[in-house]
């Protein structure tokens, strides 16, 4: 079994290397496959870094290719999950399923946006699959994915174009803090907006409850 997994990983790595040779078109393919149901070793991020560092002037094109490919791949996974229902969640533990579904029920597509910003091992695909299973609004889901992917790939592309091979080290050192910081800001903004839209008597009731 381990041998077969090793051979599969090597084959997928070969596919990624082959696609990178096609530049922006290959990056689109990598993003589409990796965001849907064919995880590629090191994923889209490494490809964006490599190509942007090699040809800085093409960085915006690479970011656009990665973003569009990732959006399409994510939507494919979303619709597969939407059609398959809860069966597609079977490979995830019940605890993870319950936690992610609770976040989506509470924060809707904001939870998907936050997941798209966080670095691995954040279970981004579990958020995508769960969104399909519970039938989150497709337009709002797409907008959340687009915002998250553009920010992530643009940051990676910019650092690679500016700092070359050192960009990978910079991202490894600082991106977890950046991603978590953005996630906190998004959630705080959502909570503040929810409180502002509540009626005065509801806010007063909450204050009374918290003061008991």
N, C-alpha and C. Protein backbone atom coordinates (compact mmCIF):
# COMPACT_ATOMS: atom_id res chain seq x y z
N UNK A 1 0.83 -1.21 0.00
CA UNK A 1 0.00 0.00 0.00
C UNK A 1 0.86 1.26 0.00
N UNK A 2 1.88 1.25 0.86
CA UNK A 2 2.79 2.40 0.92
C UNK A 2 3.50 2.60 -0.42
N UNK A 3 3.85 1.47 -1.05
CA UNK A 3 4.52 1.55 -2.35
C UNK A 3 3.60 2.20 -3.39
N UNK A 4 2.33 1.81 -3.38
CA UNK A 4 1.38 2.37 -4.33
C UNK A 4 1.17 3.87 -4.09
N UNK A 5 1.10 4.25 -2.82
CA UNK A 5 0.94 5.66 -2.49
C UNK A 5 2.16 6.46 -2.93
N UNK A 6 3.33 5.86 -2.75
CA UNK A 6 4.57 6.52 -3.18
C UNK A 6 4.59 6.71 -4.69
N UNK A 7 4.18 5.68 -5.41
CA UNK A 7 4.14 5.76 -6.87
C UNK A 7 3.13 6.80 -7.34
N UNK A 8 1.98 6.88 -6.65
CA UNK A 8 0.96 7.85 -7.01
C UNK A 8 1.47 9.27 -6.77
N UNK A 9 2.14 9.48 -5.64
CA UNK A 9 2.69 10.80 -5.32
C UNK A 9 3.72 11.21 -6.36
N UNK A 10 4.55 10.26 -6.77
CA UNK A 10 5.58 10.54 -7.79
C UNK A 10 4.93 10.88 -9.12
N UNK A 11 3.87 10.16 -9.46
CA UNK A 11 3.17 10.42 -10.73
C UNK A 11 2.53 11.82 -10.71
N UNK A 12 1.91 12.19 -9.59
CA UNK A 12 1.28 13.50 -9.48
C UNK A 12 2.33 14.62 -9.51
N UNK A 13 3.48 14.36 -8.89
CA UNK A 13 4.56 15.34 -8.95
C UNK A 13 5.04 15.52 -10.38
N UNK A 14 5.08 14.43 -11.14
CA UNK A 14 5.46 14.51 -12.54
C UNK A 14 4.47 15.31 -13.37
N UNK A 15 3.18 15.14 -13.06
CA UNK A 15 2.14 15.92 -13.75
C UNK A 15 2.34 17.41 -13.49
N UNK A 16 2.63 17.74 -12.25
CA UNK A 16 2.83 19.15 -11.89
C UNK A 16 4.03 19.74 -12.62
N UNK A 17 5.14 19.01 -12.64
CA UNK A 17 6.34 19.49 -13.33
C UNK A 17 6.06 19.68 -14.81
N UNK A 18 5.32 18.75 -15.39
CA UNK A 18 4.97 18.83 -16.82
C UNK A 18 4.13 20.09 -17.09
N UNK A 19 3.14 20.33 -16.24
CA UNK A 19 2.25 21.47 -16.46
C UNK A 19 2.95 22.81 -16.27
N UNK A 20 3.89 22.88 -15.33
CA UNK A 20 4.60 24.14 -15.08
C UNK A 20 5.33 24.62 -16.33
N UNK A 21 5.77 23.68 -17.15
CA UNK A 21 6.49 24.03 -18.38
C UNK A 21 5.63 24.86 -19.34
N UNK A 22 4.32 24.83 -19.16
CA UNK A 22 3.41 25.58 -20.03
C UNK A 22 3.05 26.95 -19.46
N UNK A 23 3.77 27.38 -18.44
CA UNK A 23 3.58 28.73 -17.90
C UNK A 23 2.20 28.97 -17.34
N UNK A 24 1.58 30.07 -17.77
CA UNK A 24 0.28 30.47 -17.23
C UNK A 24 -0.79 29.41 -17.50
N UNK A 25 -0.75 28.78 -18.69
CA UNK A 25 -1.75 27.75 -19.01
C UNK A 25 -1.56 26.52 -18.12
N UNK A 26 -0.31 26.16 -17.90
CA UNK A 26 -0.03 25.04 -17.01
C UNK A 26 -0.44 25.34 -15.57
N UNK A 27 -0.20 26.58 -15.14
CA UNK A 27 -0.59 26.99 -13.79
C UNK A 27 -2.10 26.91 -13.62
N UNK A 28 -2.83 27.29 -14.66
CA UNK A 28 -4.29 27.16 -14.64
C UNK A 28 -4.69 25.70 -14.41
N UNK A 29 -4.03 24.79 -15.12
CA UNK A 29 -4.33 23.37 -14.97
C UNK A 29 -4.00 22.86 -13.58
N UNK A 30 -2.86 23.28 -13.05
CA UNK A 30 -2.46 22.87 -11.70
C UNK A 30 -3.50 23.34 -10.68
N UNK A 31 -3.90 24.62 -10.81
CA UNK A 31 -4.87 25.19 -9.87
C UNK A 31 -6.21 24.47 -9.96
N UNK A 32 -6.64 24.17 -11.18
CA UNK A 32 -7.93 23.49 -11.37
C UNK A 32 -7.90 22.09 -10.75
N UNK A 33 -6.84 21.34 -11.01
CA UNK A 33 -6.74 19.98 -10.49
C UNK A 33 -6.61 19.98 -8.97
N UNK A 34 -5.71 20.81 -8.46
CA UNK A 34 -5.43 20.81 -7.02
C UNK A 34 -6.62 21.29 -6.21
N UNK A 35 -7.44 22.19 -6.77
CA UNK A 35 -8.58 22.73 -6.04
C UNK A 35 -9.81 21.83 -6.12
N UNK A 36 -9.78 20.86 -7.03
CA UNK A 36 -10.93 19.98 -7.17
C UNK A 36 -10.68 18.67 -6.44
N UNK A 37 -10.30 17.62 -7.14
CA UNK A 37 -10.18 16.31 -6.50
C UNK A 37 -8.87 15.60 -6.81
N UNK A 38 -7.88 16.33 -7.32
CA UNK A 38 -6.56 15.73 -7.61
C UNK A 38 -5.48 16.55 -6.91
N UNK A 39 -5.24 16.29 -5.62
CA UNK A 39 -4.23 17.07 -4.90
C UNK A 39 -2.83 16.84 -5.47
N UNK A 40 -2.14 17.92 -5.80
CA UNK A 40 -0.79 17.83 -6.35
C UNK A 40 0.23 18.22 -5.28
N UNK A 41 1.36 17.53 -5.23
CA UNK A 41 2.37 17.82 -4.21
C UNK A 41 2.79 19.29 -4.23
N UNK A 42 2.80 19.93 -3.07
CA UNK A 42 3.14 21.35 -2.88
C UNK A 42 2.07 22.28 -3.44
N UNK A 43 1.15 21.77 -4.25
CA UNK A 43 -0.01 22.53 -4.67
C UNK A 43 0.26 23.75 -5.53
N UNK A 44 -0.74 24.63 -5.53
CA UNK A 44 -0.71 25.82 -6.39
C UNK A 44 0.34 26.81 -5.91
N UNK A 45 0.47 26.93 -4.59
CA UNK A 45 1.33 27.97 -4.02
C UNK A 45 2.77 27.88 -4.54
N UNK A 46 3.31 26.66 -4.54
CA UNK A 46 4.69 26.49 -5.00
C UNK A 46 4.83 26.86 -6.47
N UNK A 47 3.81 26.54 -7.27
CA UNK A 47 3.86 26.86 -8.70
C UNK A 47 3.82 28.37 -8.93
N UNK A 48 2.97 29.08 -8.17
CA UNK A 48 2.90 30.55 -8.28
C UNK A 48 4.24 31.16 -7.90
N UNK A 49 4.84 30.67 -6.83
CA UNK A 49 6.14 31.19 -6.39
C UNK A 49 7.21 30.95 -7.44
N UNK A 50 7.26 29.74 -7.96
CA UNK A 50 8.31 29.37 -8.92
C UNK A 50 8.21 30.20 -10.20
N UNK A 51 7.02 30.29 -10.77
CA UNK A 51 6.85 31.00 -12.03
C UNK A 51 7.02 32.51 -11.86
N UNK A 52 6.51 33.07 -10.78
CA UNK A 52 6.63 34.51 -10.55
C UNK A 52 8.07 34.92 -10.28
N UNK A 53 8.82 34.05 -9.60
CA UNK A 53 10.23 34.35 -9.36
C UNK A 53 11.04 34.26 -10.65
N UNK A 54 10.67 33.33 -11.53
CA UNK A 54 11.40 33.15 -12.79
C UNK A 54 11.12 34.27 -13.78
N UNK A 55 9.87 34.75 -13.82
CA UNK A 55 9.49 35.82 -14.75
C UNK A 55 8.62 36.84 -14.02
N UNK A 56 9.25 37.77 -13.29
CA UNK A 56 8.48 38.73 -12.48
C UNK A 56 7.48 39.56 -13.28
N UNK A 57 7.80 39.89 -14.52
CA UNK A 57 6.88 40.72 -15.32
C UNK A 57 5.56 40.01 -15.61
N UNK A 58 5.57 38.70 -15.56
CA UNK A 58 4.36 37.91 -15.83
C UNK A 58 3.56 37.61 -14.57
N UNK A 59 4.01 38.12 -13.44
CA UNK A 59 3.36 37.79 -12.17
C UNK A 59 1.85 38.02 -12.17
N UNK A 60 1.34 39.18 -12.65
CA UNK A 60 -0.13 39.37 -12.65
C UNK A 60 -0.87 38.30 -13.45
N UNK A 61 -0.27 37.87 -14.56
CA UNK A 61 -0.91 36.84 -15.39
C UNK A 61 -0.93 35.51 -14.64
N UNK A 62 0.16 35.19 -13.95
CA UNK A 62 0.20 33.95 -13.18
C UNK A 62 -0.83 33.97 -12.05
N UNK A 63 -0.95 35.10 -11.38
CA UNK A 63 -1.94 35.23 -10.30
C UNK A 63 -3.35 35.04 -10.84
N UNK A 64 -3.62 35.66 -11.99
CA UNK A 64 -4.94 35.53 -12.61
C UNK A 64 -5.22 34.07 -13.02
N UNK A 65 -4.24 33.41 -13.62
CA UNK A 65 -4.41 32.02 -14.04
C UNK A 65 -4.67 31.11 -12.84
N UNK A 66 -3.88 31.30 -11.78
CA UNK A 66 -4.05 30.49 -10.58
C UNK A 66 -5.41 30.73 -9.94
N UNK A 67 -5.84 31.99 -9.92
CA UNK A 67 -7.12 32.33 -9.30
C UNK A 67 -8.29 31.73 -10.07
N UNK A 68 -8.29 31.91 -11.39
CA UNK A 68 -9.40 31.39 -12.21
C UNK A 68 -9.43 29.86 -12.15
N UNK A 69 -8.26 29.22 -12.27
CA UNK A 69 -8.22 27.77 -12.19
C UNK A 69 -8.70 27.25 -10.84
N UNK A 70 -8.31 27.94 -9.77
CA UNK A 70 -8.72 27.53 -8.43
C UNK A 70 -10.22 27.70 -8.23
N UNK A 71 -10.78 28.80 -8.74
CA UNK A 71 -12.22 29.02 -8.61
C UNK A 71 -13.00 27.93 -9.33
N UNK A 72 -12.60 27.61 -10.57
CA UNK A 72 -13.30 26.58 -11.34
C UNK A 72 -13.18 25.22 -10.65
N UNK A 73 -11.97 24.89 -10.20
CA UNK A 73 -11.76 23.61 -9.52
C UNK A 73 -12.58 23.51 -8.24
N UNK A 74 -12.62 24.60 -7.50
CA UNK A 74 -13.39 24.63 -6.25
C UNK A 74 -14.88 24.47 -6.52
N UNK A 75 -15.37 25.12 -7.57
CA UNK A 75 -16.78 25.00 -7.93
C UNK A 75 -17.12 23.57 -8.39
N UNK A 76 -16.19 22.92 -9.09
CA UNK A 76 -16.41 21.52 -9.47
C UNK A 76 -16.58 20.65 -8.23
N UNK A 77 -15.69 20.85 -7.25
CA UNK A 77 -15.77 20.09 -6.00
C UNK A 77 -17.06 20.41 -5.26
N UNK A 78 -17.45 21.68 -5.26
CA UNK A 78 -18.69 22.11 -4.61
C UNK A 78 -19.90 21.38 -5.21
N UNK A 79 -19.99 21.36 -6.54
CA UNK A 79 -21.15 20.76 -7.19
C UNK A 79 -21.15 19.23 -7.07
N UNK A 80 -19.96 18.63 -7.05
CA UNK A 80 -19.89 17.18 -6.81
C UNK A 80 -20.43 16.87 -5.42
N UNK A 81 -20.01 17.66 -4.43
CA UNK A 81 -20.49 17.46 -3.06
C UNK A 81 -21.98 17.74 -2.95
N UNK A 82 -22.43 18.73 -3.67
CA UNK A 82 -23.86 19.07 -3.65
C UNK A 82 -24.71 17.93 -4.19
N UNK A 83 -24.19 17.26 -5.21
CA UNK A 83 -24.93 16.15 -5.82
C UNK A 83 -24.81 14.87 -4.99
N UNK A 84 -23.63 14.62 -4.44
CA UNK A 84 -23.39 13.38 -3.70
C UNK A 84 -23.98 13.42 -2.29
N UNK A 85 -24.13 14.61 -1.73
CA UNK A 85 -24.68 14.72 -0.38
C UNK A 85 -23.68 14.32 0.69
N UNK A 86 -24.18 13.87 1.82
CA UNK A 86 -23.32 13.59 2.98
C UNK A 86 -22.37 12.42 2.74
N UNK A 87 -22.60 11.62 1.72
CA UNK A 87 -21.70 10.48 1.45
C UNK A 87 -20.27 10.95 1.22
N UNK A 88 -20.12 12.11 0.61
CA UNK A 88 -18.79 12.61 0.26
C UNK A 88 -17.99 13.06 1.49
N UNK A 89 -18.67 13.20 2.63
CA UNK A 89 -18.00 13.62 3.87
C UNK A 89 -17.47 12.43 4.67
N UNK A 90 -17.71 11.22 4.18
CA UNK A 90 -17.40 10.02 4.96
C UNK A 90 -15.92 9.91 5.33
N UNK A 91 -15.02 10.44 4.51
CA UNK A 91 -13.58 10.28 4.79
C UNK A 91 -13.09 11.24 5.87
N UNK A 92 -13.92 12.17 6.30
CA UNK A 92 -13.56 13.09 7.37
C UNK A 92 -14.16 12.61 8.70
N UNK A 93 -13.48 12.89 9.79
CA UNK A 93 -13.97 12.45 11.09
C UNK A 93 -15.27 13.19 11.44
N UNK A 94 -16.17 12.55 12.20
CA UNK A 94 -17.42 13.21 12.60
C UNK A 94 -17.18 14.51 13.35
N UNK A 95 -16.10 14.55 14.14
CA UNK A 95 -15.80 15.77 14.90
C UNK A 95 -15.48 16.94 13.97
N UNK A 96 -14.66 16.67 12.95
CA UNK A 96 -14.31 17.73 11.99
C UNK A 96 -15.54 18.15 11.18
N UNK A 97 -16.34 17.17 10.79
CA UNK A 97 -17.56 17.50 10.05
C UNK A 97 -18.46 18.42 10.85
N UNK A 98 -18.68 18.07 12.12
CA UNK A 98 -19.57 18.85 12.98
C UNK A 98 -19.02 20.26 13.21
N UNK A 99 -17.69 20.36 13.40
CA UNK A 99 -17.08 21.66 13.67
C UNK A 99 -17.21 22.58 12.46
N UNK A 100 -16.91 22.06 11.28
CA UNK A 100 -16.97 22.88 10.06
C UNK A 100 -18.41 23.26 9.73
N UNK A 101 -19.34 22.32 9.88
CA UNK A 101 -20.74 22.62 9.59
C UNK A 101 -21.28 23.68 10.54
N UNK A 102 -20.85 23.62 11.81
CA UNK A 102 -21.27 24.63 12.78
C UNK A 102 -20.75 26.01 12.38
N UNK A 103 -19.50 26.07 11.92
CA UNK A 103 -18.92 27.36 11.50
C UNK A 103 -19.67 27.92 10.29
N UNK A 104 -20.00 27.05 9.33
CA UNK A 104 -20.73 27.50 8.14
C UNK A 104 -22.14 27.94 8.51
N UNK A 105 -22.78 27.22 9.43
CA UNK A 105 -24.13 27.62 9.87
C UNK A 105 -24.11 28.98 10.57
N UNK A 106 -23.04 29.25 11.30
CA UNK A 106 -22.96 30.51 12.08
C UNK A 106 -22.48 31.67 11.23
N UNK A 107 -21.48 31.43 10.39
CA UNK A 107 -20.84 32.53 9.66
C UNK A 107 -21.05 32.49 8.15
N UNK A 108 -21.73 31.46 7.65
CA UNK A 108 -22.02 31.35 6.23
C UNK A 108 -20.72 31.39 5.42
N UNK A 109 -20.71 32.15 4.32
CA UNK A 109 -19.54 32.13 3.42
C UNK A 109 -18.31 32.80 4.02
N UNK A 110 -18.48 33.56 5.10
CA UNK A 110 -17.32 34.16 5.75
C UNK A 110 -16.37 33.07 6.25
N UNK A 111 -16.93 31.95 6.71
CA UNK A 111 -16.08 30.86 7.17
C UNK A 111 -15.28 30.27 6.01
N UNK A 112 -15.88 30.24 4.82
CA UNK A 112 -15.17 29.74 3.63
C UNK A 112 -14.06 30.72 3.24
N UNK A 113 -14.36 32.01 3.31
CA UNK A 113 -13.35 33.03 3.01
C UNK A 113 -12.16 32.90 3.96
N UNK A 114 -12.45 32.75 5.24
CA UNK A 114 -11.37 32.60 6.23
C UNK A 114 -10.55 31.34 5.94
N UNK A 115 -11.23 30.24 5.64
CA UNK A 115 -10.52 28.98 5.34
C UNK A 115 -9.64 29.11 4.11
N UNK A 116 -10.08 29.89 3.13
CA UNK A 116 -9.29 30.06 1.90
C UNK A 116 -8.04 30.91 2.13
N UNK A 117 -8.03 31.67 3.24
CA UNK A 117 -6.88 32.51 3.56
C UNK A 117 -5.85 31.78 4.43
N UNK A 118 -6.32 30.84 5.24
CA UNK A 118 -5.43 30.18 6.19
C UNK A 118 -4.49 29.19 5.49
N UNK A 119 -3.26 29.09 5.99
CA UNK A 119 -2.29 28.16 5.38
C UNK A 119 -2.60 26.73 5.82
N UNK A 120 -2.03 25.73 5.11
CA UNK A 120 -2.17 24.34 5.56
C UNK A 120 -1.63 24.20 6.99
N UNK A 121 -2.19 23.36 7.82
CA UNK A 121 -3.14 22.28 7.49
C UNK A 121 -4.62 22.66 7.65
N UNK A 122 -4.99 23.91 7.46
CA UNK A 122 -6.40 24.30 7.52
C UNK A 122 -7.19 23.46 6.51
N UNK A 123 -8.32 22.86 6.94
CA UNK A 123 -9.07 21.93 6.06
C UNK A 123 -9.93 22.67 5.04
N UNK A 124 -9.30 23.37 4.11
CA UNK A 124 -10.04 24.19 3.15
C UNK A 124 -11.04 23.36 2.34
N UNK A 125 -10.62 22.18 1.87
CA UNK A 125 -11.51 21.37 1.04
C UNK A 125 -12.72 20.86 1.82
N UNK A 126 -12.56 20.65 3.12
CA UNK A 126 -13.69 20.24 3.94
C UNK A 126 -14.74 21.35 3.98
N UNK A 127 -14.28 22.61 4.02
CA UNK A 127 -15.22 23.74 3.98
C UNK A 127 -15.94 23.78 2.63
N UNK A 128 -15.20 23.53 1.57
CA UNK A 128 -15.80 23.54 0.22
C UNK A 128 -16.83 22.43 0.09
N UNK A 129 -16.45 21.22 0.50
CA UNK A 129 -17.36 20.08 0.39
C UNK A 129 -18.61 20.29 1.25
N UNK A 130 -18.41 20.76 2.48
CA UNK A 130 -19.55 20.99 3.37
C UNK A 130 -20.47 22.08 2.81
N UNK A 131 -19.88 23.09 2.20
CA UNK A 131 -20.69 24.14 1.56
C UNK A 131 -21.59 23.56 0.48
N UNK A 132 -21.05 22.61 -0.28
CA UNK A 132 -21.87 21.96 -1.30
C UNK A 132 -22.96 21.10 -0.71
N UNK A 133 -22.61 20.36 0.34
CA UNK A 133 -23.58 19.46 0.98
C UNK A 133 -24.75 20.24 1.56
N UNK A 134 -24.47 21.37 2.23
CA UNK A 134 -25.54 22.16 2.86
C UNK A 134 -26.12 23.20 1.91
N UNK A 135 -25.62 23.23 0.66
CA UNK A 135 -26.15 24.10 -0.40
C UNK A 135 -26.05 25.59 -0.05
N UNK A 136 -24.83 26.00 0.28
CA UNK A 136 -24.55 27.43 0.45
C UNK A 136 -24.79 28.14 -0.89
N UNK A 137 -25.24 29.38 -0.85
CA UNK A 137 -25.50 30.15 -2.06
C UNK A 137 -24.28 30.15 -2.99
N UNK A 138 -24.48 29.74 -4.24
CA UNK A 138 -23.36 29.65 -5.20
C UNK A 138 -22.71 31.01 -5.46
N UNK A 139 -23.49 32.09 -5.72
CA UNK A 139 -22.85 33.39 -5.97
C UNK A 139 -22.00 33.87 -4.79
N UNK A 140 -22.55 33.75 -3.57
CA UNK A 140 -21.80 34.22 -2.40
C UNK A 140 -20.60 33.32 -2.13
N UNK A 141 -20.74 32.04 -2.36
CA UNK A 141 -19.63 31.10 -2.22
C UNK A 141 -18.51 31.47 -3.19
N UNK A 142 -18.87 31.75 -4.44
CA UNK A 142 -17.88 32.10 -5.47
C UNK A 142 -17.16 33.40 -5.12
N UNK A 143 -17.90 34.37 -4.63
CA UNK A 143 -17.29 35.65 -4.26
C UNK A 143 -16.28 35.45 -3.13
N UNK A 144 -16.65 34.65 -2.13
CA UNK A 144 -15.75 34.40 -1.00
C UNK A 144 -14.47 33.71 -1.46
N UNK A 145 -14.61 32.70 -2.31
CA UNK A 145 -13.44 31.99 -2.83
C UNK A 145 -12.56 32.93 -3.65
N UNK A 146 -13.18 33.76 -4.48
CA UNK A 146 -12.43 34.69 -5.33
C UNK A 146 -11.60 35.66 -4.50
N UNK A 147 -12.21 36.24 -3.47
CA UNK A 147 -11.49 37.19 -2.61
C UNK A 147 -10.31 36.51 -1.92
N UNK A 148 -10.56 35.34 -1.35
CA UNK A 148 -9.50 34.63 -0.63
C UNK A 148 -8.36 34.21 -1.52
N UNK A 149 -8.68 33.65 -2.69
CA UNK A 149 -7.64 33.19 -3.61
C UNK A 149 -6.83 34.34 -4.20
N UNK A 150 -7.51 35.44 -4.57
CA UNK A 150 -6.79 36.59 -5.13
C UNK A 150 -5.80 37.13 -4.12
N UNK A 151 -6.24 37.29 -2.87
CA UNK A 151 -5.33 37.82 -1.85
C UNK A 151 -4.12 36.90 -1.68
N UNK A 152 -4.39 35.62 -1.54
CA UNK A 152 -3.31 34.67 -1.28
C UNK A 152 -2.31 34.61 -2.43
N UNK A 153 -2.80 34.44 -3.65
CA UNK A 153 -1.89 34.30 -4.79
C UNK A 153 -1.19 35.61 -5.13
N UNK A 154 -1.88 36.73 -4.92
CA UNK A 154 -1.25 38.03 -5.19
C UNK A 154 -0.11 38.29 -4.22
N UNK A 155 -0.31 37.95 -2.96
CA UNK A 155 0.77 38.10 -1.97
C UNK A 155 1.94 37.20 -2.33
N UNK A 156 1.67 35.96 -2.69
CA UNK A 156 2.75 35.04 -3.07
C UNK A 156 3.47 35.52 -4.32
N UNK A 157 2.70 35.94 -5.32
CA UNK A 157 3.31 36.40 -6.56
C UNK A 157 4.16 37.64 -6.36
N UNK A 158 3.66 38.57 -5.56
CA UNK A 158 4.42 39.81 -5.30
C UNK A 158 5.74 39.50 -4.60
N UNK A 159 5.68 38.68 -3.56
CA UNK A 159 6.91 38.35 -2.82
C UNK A 159 7.90 37.60 -3.70
N UNK A 160 7.40 36.69 -4.55
CA UNK A 160 8.29 35.94 -5.44
C UNK A 160 8.93 36.85 -6.47
N UNK A 161 8.14 37.78 -7.03
CA UNK A 161 8.67 38.71 -8.03
C UNK A 161 9.69 39.66 -7.42
N UNK A 162 9.50 39.99 -6.17
CA UNK A 162 10.39 40.96 -5.52
C UNK A 162 11.62 40.32 -4.86
N UNK A 163 11.41 39.17 -4.23
CA UNK A 163 12.49 38.57 -3.43
C UNK A 163 13.00 37.25 -3.99
N UNK A 164 12.43 36.80 -5.10
CA UNK A 164 12.94 35.58 -5.73
C UNK A 164 12.78 34.35 -4.85
N UNK A 165 13.84 33.55 -4.74
CA UNK A 165 13.78 32.30 -3.99
C UNK A 165 13.55 32.52 -2.50
N UNK A 166 13.87 33.71 -1.99
CA UNK A 166 13.67 33.99 -0.56
C UNK A 166 12.20 34.13 -0.19
N UNK A 167 11.32 34.26 -1.19
CA UNK A 167 9.90 34.46 -0.92
C UNK A 167 9.30 33.28 -0.16
N UNK A 168 9.75 32.07 -0.49
CA UNK A 168 9.21 30.88 0.17
C UNK A 168 9.50 30.92 1.66
N UNK A 169 10.72 31.33 2.01
CA UNK A 169 11.09 31.43 3.43
C UNK A 169 10.29 32.51 4.13
N UNK A 170 10.09 33.65 3.45
CA UNK A 170 9.31 34.75 4.04
C UNK A 170 7.87 34.32 4.29
N UNK A 171 7.29 33.61 3.34
CA UNK A 171 5.91 33.15 3.51
C UNK A 171 5.81 32.14 4.64
N UNK A 172 6.76 31.22 4.71
CA UNK A 172 6.74 30.22 5.78
C UNK A 172 6.85 30.88 7.15
N UNK A 173 7.57 31.99 7.21
CA UNK A 173 7.78 32.66 8.49
C UNK A 173 6.60 33.56 8.88
N UNK A 174 6.05 34.30 7.89
CA UNK A 174 5.07 35.34 8.24
C UNK A 174 3.63 35.05 7.81
N UNK A 175 3.42 34.19 6.79
CA UNK A 175 2.06 34.05 6.30
C UNK A 175 1.08 33.46 7.31
N UNK A 176 1.49 32.48 8.14
CA UNK A 176 0.53 31.99 9.15
C UNK A 176 -0.03 33.12 10.02
N UNK A 177 0.84 34.04 10.44
CA UNK A 177 0.38 35.16 11.27
C UNK A 177 -0.52 36.09 10.47
N UNK A 178 -0.16 36.33 9.20
CA UNK A 178 -0.98 37.20 8.34
C UNK A 178 -2.36 36.59 8.12
N UNK A 179 -2.39 35.29 7.80
CA UNK A 179 -3.65 34.61 7.56
C UNK A 179 -4.55 34.61 8.78
N UNK A 180 -3.97 34.29 9.93
CA UNK A 180 -4.76 34.27 11.17
C UNK A 180 -5.23 35.67 11.53
N UNK A 181 -4.36 36.67 11.33
CA UNK A 181 -4.75 38.05 11.61
C UNK A 181 -5.91 38.51 10.75
N UNK A 182 -5.87 38.18 9.48
CA UNK A 182 -6.98 38.52 8.58
C UNK A 182 -8.26 37.79 8.98
N UNK A 183 -8.12 36.54 9.38
CA UNK A 183 -9.29 35.77 9.80
C UNK A 183 -9.95 36.41 11.02
N UNK A 184 -9.13 36.84 11.97
CA UNK A 184 -9.67 37.49 13.17
C UNK A 184 -10.38 38.79 12.81
N UNK A 185 -9.77 39.58 11.91
CA UNK A 185 -10.40 40.83 11.48
C UNK A 185 -11.74 40.60 10.79
N UNK A 186 -11.80 39.58 9.93
CA UNK A 186 -13.04 39.29 9.20
C UNK A 186 -14.14 38.88 10.18
N UNK A 187 -13.80 38.01 11.12
CA UNK A 187 -14.80 37.55 12.10
C UNK A 187 -15.24 38.71 12.99
N UNK A 188 -14.28 39.55 13.41
CA UNK A 188 -14.62 40.71 14.25
C UNK A 188 -15.55 41.67 13.50
N UNK A 189 -15.28 41.87 12.20
CA UNK A 189 -16.13 42.75 11.40
C UNK A 189 -17.54 42.16 11.27
N UNK A 190 -17.62 40.85 11.12
CA UNK A 190 -18.93 40.18 11.01
C UNK A 190 -19.72 40.34 12.31
N UNK A 191 -19.04 40.13 13.45
CA UNK A 191 -19.72 40.25 14.74
C UNK A 191 -20.19 41.68 14.97
N UNK A 192 -19.31 42.66 14.64
CA UNK A 192 -19.68 44.07 14.82
C UNK A 192 -20.87 44.43 13.94
N UNK A 193 -20.87 43.95 12.70
CA UNK A 193 -21.98 44.24 11.79
C UNK A 193 -23.28 43.62 12.30
N UNK A 194 -23.19 42.40 12.83
CA UNK A 194 -24.39 41.74 13.37
C UNK A 194 -24.96 42.52 14.55
N UNK A 195 -24.07 43.01 15.42
CA UNK A 195 -24.52 43.77 16.58
C UNK A 195 -25.16 45.09 16.18
N UNK A 196 -24.60 45.73 15.16
CA UNK A 196 -25.14 47.02 14.69
C UNK A 196 -26.54 46.86 14.10
N UNK A 197 -26.81 45.70 13.52
CA UNK A 197 -28.10 45.49 12.87
C UNK A 197 -29.17 44.93 13.82
N UNK A 198 -28.77 44.66 15.07
CA UNK A 198 -29.75 44.20 16.04
C UNK A 198 -30.55 45.37 16.60
N UNK A 199 -31.76 45.08 17.00
CA UNK A 199 -32.60 46.12 17.58
C UNK A 199 -32.04 46.53 18.94
N UNK A 200 -32.25 47.80 19.35
CA UNK A 200 -31.72 48.28 20.63
C UNK A 200 -32.13 47.42 21.81
N UNK A 201 -33.39 46.93 21.81
CA UNK A 201 -33.84 46.13 22.94
C UNK A 201 -33.13 44.78 23.00
N UNK A 202 -32.74 44.23 21.81
CA UNK A 202 -32.01 42.97 21.78
C UNK A 202 -30.61 43.15 22.33
N UNK A 203 -29.96 44.29 21.95
CA UNK A 203 -28.61 44.56 22.47
C UNK A 203 -28.65 44.76 23.97
N UNK A 204 -29.69 45.48 24.47
CA UNK A 204 -29.82 45.74 25.91
C UNK A 204 -30.02 44.43 26.66
N UNK A 205 -30.80 43.51 26.07
CA UNK A 205 -31.04 42.22 26.68
C UNK A 205 -29.76 41.41 26.80
N UNK A 206 -28.91 41.47 25.73
CA UNK A 206 -27.64 40.76 25.77
C UNK A 206 -26.72 41.31 26.84
N UNK A 207 -26.72 42.65 26.99
CA UNK A 207 -25.88 43.29 28.01
C UNK A 207 -26.33 42.84 29.39
N UNK A 208 -27.67 42.78 29.62
CA UNK A 208 -28.20 42.36 30.91
C UNK A 208 -27.80 40.92 31.22
N UNK A 209 -27.88 40.07 30.20
CA UNK A 209 -27.53 38.65 30.40
C UNK A 209 -26.06 38.49 30.75
N UNK A 210 -25.19 39.25 30.02
CA UNK A 210 -23.74 39.15 30.27
C UNK A 210 -23.36 39.71 31.63
N UNK A 211 -24.21 40.63 32.16
CA UNK A 211 -23.90 41.25 33.45
C UNK A 211 -24.34 40.42 34.63
N UNK A 212 -25.14 39.40 34.39
CA UNK A 212 -25.64 38.56 35.50
C UNK A 212 -24.52 37.67 36.05
